[in-house]
Amino acid sequence: MKYVEALDRIIYDELMVGKVTREAQRTLKTIITNKAQEGAGAIVLACTELDLVVDIDANVLPVFDSTRIHCEAAANWILEQEVA
């Protein structure tokens, strides 16, 4: 829970108003690295704005972007409906 305040600040004070900073990127990278050291096996970006400051392909842990996952699933579903 020690990262909640930092995440809330980044999401509500920066990302939701269209502000993307290097500091936010560094903070998220630090949080992800710390979670890896604490034994986490992966990170889930459950906030749609977090992919603006997290490079999902360049981290110490696998990062699952819920926005990307939902969009891919929706596109696959639509394409399957067209075939049927």
Protein backbone atom coordinates (compact mmCIF):
# COMPACT_ATOMS: atom_id res chain seq x y z
CA MET A 1 0.00 0.00 0.00
CA LYS A 2 3.01 2.30 0.24
CA TYR A 3 2.72 3.16 -3.47
CA VAL A 4 -0.95 4.15 -3.44
CA GLU A 5 -0.43 7.85 -2.79
CA ALA A 6 2.19 8.16 -5.54
CA LEU A 7 -0.02 6.30 -8.00
CA ASP A 8 -3.08 8.36 -7.10
CA ARG A 9 -1.13 11.59 -7.56
CA ILE A 10 0.22 10.49 -10.95
CA ILE A 11 -3.17 9.30 -12.19
CA TYR A 12 -5.41 12.09 -10.88
CA ASP A 13 -3.09 15.11 -10.85
CA GLU A 14 -1.18 14.37 -14.03
CA LEU A 15 -2.48 11.72 -16.42
CA MET A 16 -6.17 12.56 -16.20
CA VAL A 17 -5.41 16.15 -17.16
CA GLY A 18 -3.19 15.12 -20.06
CA LYS A 19 0.15 15.65 -18.33
CA VAL A 20 2.85 13.01 -18.90
CA THR A 21 6.13 13.61 -17.10
CA ARG A 22 9.53 11.92 -16.94
CA GLU A 23 9.13 11.95 -13.15
CA ALA A 24 5.95 9.86 -13.44
CA GLN A 25 7.74 7.46 -15.78
CA ARG A 26 10.64 7.13 -13.34
CA THR A 27 8.30 6.65 -10.39
CA LEU A 28 6.40 3.85 -12.12
CA LYS A 29 9.63 2.17 -13.22
CA THR A 30 10.87 2.33 -9.61
CA ILE A 31 7.60 0.88 -8.29
CA ILE A 32 7.73 -1.98 -10.81
CA THR A 33 11.38 -2.70 -9.97
CA ASN A 34 10.60 -2.68 -6.24
CA LYS A 35 7.65 -5.03 -6.75
CA ALA A 36 9.93 -7.41 -8.66
CA GLN A 37 12.40 -7.36 -5.75
CA GLU A 38 9.50 -8.09 -3.40
CA GLY A 39 8.66 -11.21 -5.40
CA ALA A 40 5.93 -10.09 -7.81
CA GLY A 41 5.71 -12.18 -10.97
CA ALA A 42 3.96 -9.61 -13.16
CA ILE A 43 2.32 -6.18 -13.17
CA VAL A 44 -1.24 -5.44 -14.30
CA LEU A 45 -1.99 -1.92 -15.52
CA ALA A 46 -5.61 -1.76 -14.42
CA CYS A 47 -5.89 1.99 -15.02
CA THR A 48 -6.29 2.99 -18.65
CA GLU A 49 -3.99 6.00 -18.30
CA LEU A 50 -0.98 4.16 -16.87
CA ASP A 51 0.16 2.91 -20.27
CA LEU A 52 1.08 6.54 -20.99
CA VAL A 53 3.97 6.32 -18.51
CA VAL A 54 4.84 2.61 -18.51
CA ASP A 55 6.69 1.02 -21.40
CA ILE A 56 5.12 -2.42 -21.30
CA ASP A 57 7.92 -3.92 -23.39
CA ALA A 58 10.86 -2.56 -21.36
CA ASN A 59 10.45 -3.64 -17.75
CA VAL A 60 11.93 -6.14 -15.33
CA LEU A 61 8.54 -7.89 -15.08
CA PRO A 62 5.90 -8.83 -17.63
CA VAL A 63 3.38 -5.99 -17.81
CA PHE A 64 -0.24 -6.69 -18.73
CA ASP A 65 -2.01 -3.61 -20.08
CA SER A 66 -5.74 -4.04 -19.43
CA THR A 67 -6.61 -1.51 -22.15
CA ARG A 68 -4.63 -3.42 -24.78
CA ILE A 69 -6.01 -6.76 -23.59
CA HIS A 70 -9.62 -5.53 -23.79
CA CYS A 71 -9.12 -3.90 -27.19
CA GLU A 72 -7.54 -7.04 -28.65
CA ALA A 73 -10.34 -9.20 -27.24
CA ALA A 74 -12.99 -6.85 -28.66
CA ALA A 75 -11.33 -6.80 -32.08
CA ASN A 76 -11.03 -10.59 -32.11
CA TRP A 77 -14.68 -10.96 -31.10
CA ILE A 78 -15.81 -8.59 -33.86
CA LEU A 79 -13.68 -10.35 -36.46
CA GLU A 80 -15.03 -13.74 -35.38
CA GLN A 81 -18.59 -12.43 -35.77
CA GLU A 82 -17.84 -11.34 -39.35
CA VAL A 83 -16.56 -14.81 -40.26
CA ALA A 84 -19.59 -16.62 -38.83
